[in-house]
Every structure is written in structure tokens, then in C-alpha cells.
């Protein structure tokens, strides 16, 4: 998400991030994961997301992985564990490397 300088501080971003999280809950999803720049961690936490200590998301492809902990990247993995199954699995996601590989067409990053 990107907000123009002129629109910052009006609550639009928080409304969007909160609504996305609430929608995931109402859609009965187990969990949501993403990364953000470290300075934005408090913003996402204020919208109900929680930092996932030590977790690294890996996008790209198996041949060209793109980890969120690569040099020069200052990212934090944040998550929401919505369902009982998601909440039960929460601990297994901490301090883990999570590969997100959707296929050759929809490459992440």
C-alpha cells in the first residue's frame, strides 16, 4: 500500500488495512502474512496485525528466491491468525522461512 504525502494522516491507510484484515476473517481464512518496512510495524499493529518474530517470507522462484531478509532489506513479517487452525499453527511460523511460490506466471516480487 502506498499513500501520497498529501493524503497521509487522514486514516485512509488504517481503514484499508483494518478492512482487509476483517474481510479475511469473515471469509474464514486461516491466516494472512506479509512484510512491511520496519518503521511501519506499529502502523500495521494498530490495525490488528502482529509482528511474527524471526519469520522470513521468500518470494520469487526456486531458481531465483527473493527473501525478505536479504541484505539491504529492512522488513518485518506481520501476520494475522484468524481461525482456530491458524491460531493453533501460530507458533510454528515464528522463526521460520516461509516459501511463497505461486508458479511461473504470478511470481512474487
Protein backbone atom coordinates (compact mmCIF):
# COMPACT_ATOMS: atom_id res chain seq x y z
CA UNK A 1 0.00 0.00 0.00
CA UNK A 2 1.22 3.47 -0.82
CA UNK A 3 -0.33 6.74 0.30
CA UNK A 4 0.53 10.08 -1.24
CA UNK A 5 2.07 12.67 1.06
CA UNK A 6 -1.00 14.87 0.69
CA UNK A 7 -3.36 12.11 1.88
CA UNK A 8 -1.28 10.85 4.81
CA UNK A 9 -2.51 11.25 8.35
CA UNK A 10 -6.21 11.09 7.47
CA UNK A 11 -6.74 7.47 8.47
CA UNK A 12 -7.31 6.11 4.95
CA UNK A 13 -4.49 3.59 5.17
CA UNK A 14 -5.57 2.31 8.56
CA UNK A 15 -9.15 1.95 7.32
CA UNK A 16 -7.97 -0.06 4.31
CA UNK A 17 -5.63 -2.31 6.29
CA UNK A 18 -8.24 -2.90 9.00
CA UNK A 19 -10.95 -3.65 6.43
CA UNK A 20 -8.68 -6.12 4.62
CA UNK A 21 -7.99 -7.96 7.87
CA UNK A 22 -11.68 -8.02 8.79
CA UNK A 23 -12.57 -9.32 5.32
CA UNK A 24 -10.07 -12.16 5.69
CA UNK A 25 -11.71 -13.09 8.98
CA UNK A 26 -15.24 -13.06 7.52
CA UNK A 27 -14.04 -15.17 4.58
CA UNK A 28 -12.97 -17.83 7.08
CA UNK A 29 -9.31 -17.70 6.08
CA UNK A 30 -6.81 -19.33 8.40
CA UNK A 31 -4.15 -16.65 8.24
CA UNK A 32 -2.68 -13.68 6.43
CA UNK A 33 1.05 -12.95 6.04
CA UNK A 34 3.00 -10.08 4.53
CA UNK A 35 6.07 -7.96 5.05
CA UNK A 36 6.40 -4.27 5.71
CA UNK A 37 9.21 -1.81 6.21
CA UNK A 38 10.33 -1.93 9.84
CA UNK A 39 9.24 1.69 10.53
CA UNK A 40 5.66 0.73 9.54
CA UNK A 41 5.33 -2.14 12.01
CA UNK A 42 3.47 -0.03 14.60
CA UNK A 43 1.05 1.21 11.92
CA UNK A 44 0.07 -2.34 10.93
CA UNK A 45 -0.12 -3.44 14.55
CA UNK A 46 -2.53 -0.57 15.23
CA UNK A 47 -4.79 -2.13 12.58
CA UNK A 48 -4.81 -5.54 14.29
CA UNK A 49 -1.82 -7.25 12.65
CA UNK A 50 1.02 -8.67 14.75
CA UNK A 51 4.75 -9.00 14.11
CA UNK A 52 5.88 -12.56 13.54
CA UNK A 53 9.30 -12.74 15.23
CA UNK A 54 12.09 -14.16 13.11
CA UNK A 55 9.83 -15.13 10.21
CA UNK A 56 11.13 -14.57 6.68
CA UNK A 57 8.94 -14.62 3.57
CA UNK A 58 10.58 -15.95 0.41
CA UNK A 59 9.08 -14.91 -2.89
CA UNK A 60 10.50 -15.18 -6.39
CA UNK A 61 11.06 -18.66 -7.78
CA UNK A 62 13.01 -21.71 -6.58
CA UNK A 63 15.74 -20.78 -9.08
CA UNK A 64 15.76 -17.09 -8.07
CA UNK A 65 14.46 -16.77 -4.50
CA UNK A 66 13.70 -13.33 -3.09
CA UNK A 67 13.84 -13.48 0.73
CA UNK A 68 12.61 -10.65 2.91
CA UNK A 69 15.81 -10.83 4.99
CA UNK A 70 18.21 -10.22 2.13
CA UNK A 71 20.99 -7.67 2.67
CA UNK A 72 19.78 -4.09 2.46
CA UNK A 73 16.16 -5.07 3.13
CA UNK A 74 14.78 -3.94 6.50
CA UNK A 75 11.49 -5.85 6.57
CA UNK A 76 9.28 -7.25 9.30
CA UNK A 77 6.87 -10.11 8.70
CA UNK A 78 3.41 -9.40 10.07
CA UNK A 79 0.56 -11.82 10.36
CA UNK A 80 -2.97 -12.47 11.44
CA UNK A 81 -4.03 -15.93 12.62
CA UNK A 82 -7.79 -15.94 12.27
CA UNK A 83 -9.25 -19.44 12.53
CA UNK A 84 -8.76 -21.97 15.32
CA UNK A 85 -6.48 -23.95 12.98
CA UNK A 86 -4.49 -20.81 12.18
CA UNK A 87 -4.19 -19.91 15.85
CA UNK A 88 -3.01 -23.43 16.65
CA UNK A 89 -0.29 -23.18 13.96
CA UNK A 90 0.86 -19.70 15.04
CA UNK A 91 3.92 -20.86 16.99
CA UNK A 92 5.20 -22.95 14.06
CA UNK A 93 5.51 -19.81 11.91
CA UNK A 94 7.80 -17.96 14.32
CA UNK A 95 11.48 -18.00 13.36
CA UNK A 96 10.74 -19.85 10.12
CA UNK A 97 11.47 -19.33 6.46
CA UNK A 98 8.17 -19.35 4.58
CA UNK A 99 8.34 -20.03 0.85
CA UNK A 100 5.61 -18.37 -1.18
CA UNK A 101 5.78 -19.74 -4.68
CA UNK A 102 2.62 -19.26 -6.76
CA UNK A 103 4.06 -20.58 -10.04
CA UNK A 104 5.89 -19.32 -13.09
CA UNK A 105 3.23 -16.82 -14.14
CA UNK A 106 2.44 -14.99 -10.89
CA UNK A 107 5.90 -14.50 -9.42
CA UNK A 108 6.04 -12.60 -6.15
CA UNK A 109 8.46 -9.67 -6.19
